[in-house]
Amino acid sequence: MTPEKQLELWVKGDPRCPNDQVECCPDFSCCKRELLLPLAERERFVAEPARREEMMLGALARSLSLEDQVAMVLSGRERSAAKAGEPSC
């Protein structure tokens, strides 16, 4: 499926992946259905190509659960402590 066809289906609420470029949908709802953006945001994504990267980063941030975010912060602290020779907590 072409990226254009994938976007067309996604806007209609039918997220599918991967496309011919081996890409997920902009909000990753093809992999996790509950992440599907509201229709107005999907339409805006298609209508405003200059803002697509920003909108995809926002969708990616929303896709991370609070548990994932905490794990990332803790993992970062452990790496920083290891570099500094400090014990991790």
Protein backbone atom coordinates (compact mmCIF):
# COMPACT_ATOMS: atom_id res chain seq x y z
CA MET A 1 0.00 0.00 0.00
CA THR A 2 1.29 3.44 -0.85
CA PRO A 3 1.82 6.06 1.88
CA GLU A 4 -0.96 8.11 0.30
CA LYS A 5 -3.41 5.20 0.49
CA GLN A 6 -2.35 4.54 4.09
CA LEU A 7 -3.08 8.20 5.00
CA GLU A 8 -6.44 8.04 3.21
CA LEU A 9 -7.48 4.97 5.20
CA TRP A 10 -6.08 6.41 8.45
CA VAL A 11 -8.08 9.63 8.07
CA LYS A 12 -11.19 7.47 7.59
CA GLY A 13 -10.41 5.71 10.89
CA ASP A 14 -8.91 2.54 9.40
CA PRO A 15 -5.23 2.60 10.44
CA ARG A 16 -3.03 -0.01 8.73
CA CYS A 17 0.67 -0.70 8.54
CA PRO A 18 3.15 -1.00 7.13
CA ASN A 19 2.97 0.97 3.91
CA ASP A 20 5.36 0.51 0.97
CA GLN A 21 7.94 2.53 2.90
CA VAL A 22 7.58 0.23 5.95
CA GLU A 23 6.04 3.05 7.99
CA CYS A 24 3.36 3.04 10.67
CA CYS A 25 0.48 5.49 10.74
CA PRO A 26 1.33 8.97 12.02
CA ASP A 27 -0.22 8.31 15.46
CA PHE A 28 0.88 4.65 15.67
CA SER A 29 -2.76 3.61 15.92
CA CYS A 30 -2.10 0.81 13.44
CA CYS A 31 -0.13 -0.87 16.23
CA LYS A 32 -2.20 0.33 19.19
CA ARG A 33 -5.78 1.15 18.23
CA GLU A 34 -6.54 3.32 21.27
CA LEU A 35 -3.96 5.87 20.04
CA LEU A 36 -6.10 6.86 17.03
CA LEU A 37 -6.24 10.65 16.92
CA PRO A 38 -9.61 12.37 16.67
CA LEU A 39 -10.85 12.94 13.11
CA ALA A 40 -10.14 16.69 13.19
CA GLU A 41 -6.48 16.06 14.07
CA ARG A 42 -6.13 13.40 11.37
CA GLU A 43 -7.59 15.79 8.80
CA ARG A 44 -5.28 18.58 9.98
CA PHE A 45 -2.27 16.26 9.63
CA VAL A 46 -3.10 15.67 5.97
CA ALA A 47 -3.94 19.33 5.32
CA GLU A 48 -0.81 20.77 6.96
CA PRO A 49 2.25 18.91 5.63
CA ALA A 50 4.64 21.47 7.15
CA ARG A 51 3.49 20.49 10.66
CA ARG A 52 3.55 16.72 10.19
CA GLU A 53 6.82 16.09 12.03
CA GLU A 54 5.67 18.13 15.02
CA MET A 55 2.33 16.33 15.08
CA MET A 56 3.98 12.91 14.83
CA LEU A 57 6.26 13.71 17.76
CA GLY A 58 3.22 14.70 19.79
CA ALA A 59 1.51 11.43 18.88
CA LEU A 60 4.63 9.49 19.83
CA ALA A 61 4.79 11.24 23.20
CA ARG A 62 1.11 10.43 23.85
CA SER A 63 1.74 6.81 22.91
CA LEU A 64 4.12 6.33 25.80
CA SER A 65 2.38 5.27 28.95
CA LEU A 66 3.29 6.92 32.23
CA GLU A 67 5.04 3.70 33.22
CA ASP A 68 7.19 3.87 30.08
CA GLN A 69 8.05 7.51 30.75
CA VAL A 70 9.12 6.74 34.34
CA ALA A 71 11.25 3.82 33.12
CA MET A 72 12.95 6.08 30.57
CA VAL A 73 13.74 8.70 33.22
CA LEU A 74 15.11 6.10 35.62
CA SER A 75 17.13 4.48 32.85
CA GLY A 76 18.63 7.86 31.98
CA ARG A 77 19.56 8.49 35.62
CA GLU A 78 21.23 5.10 35.87
CA ARG A 79 23.30 5.79 32.75
CA SER A 80 24.29 9.23 34.07
CA ALA A 81 25.27 7.79 37.46
CA ALA A 82 27.31 5.03 35.84
CA LYS A 83 29.21 7.58 33.74
CA ALA A 84 29.94 9.63 36.83
CA GLY A 85 30.98 6.57 38.84
CA GLU A 86 28.10 7.05 41.26
CA PRO A 87 25.87 4.27 42.51
CA SER A 88 22.44 4.15 40.88
CA CYS A 89 19.37 4.23 43.10
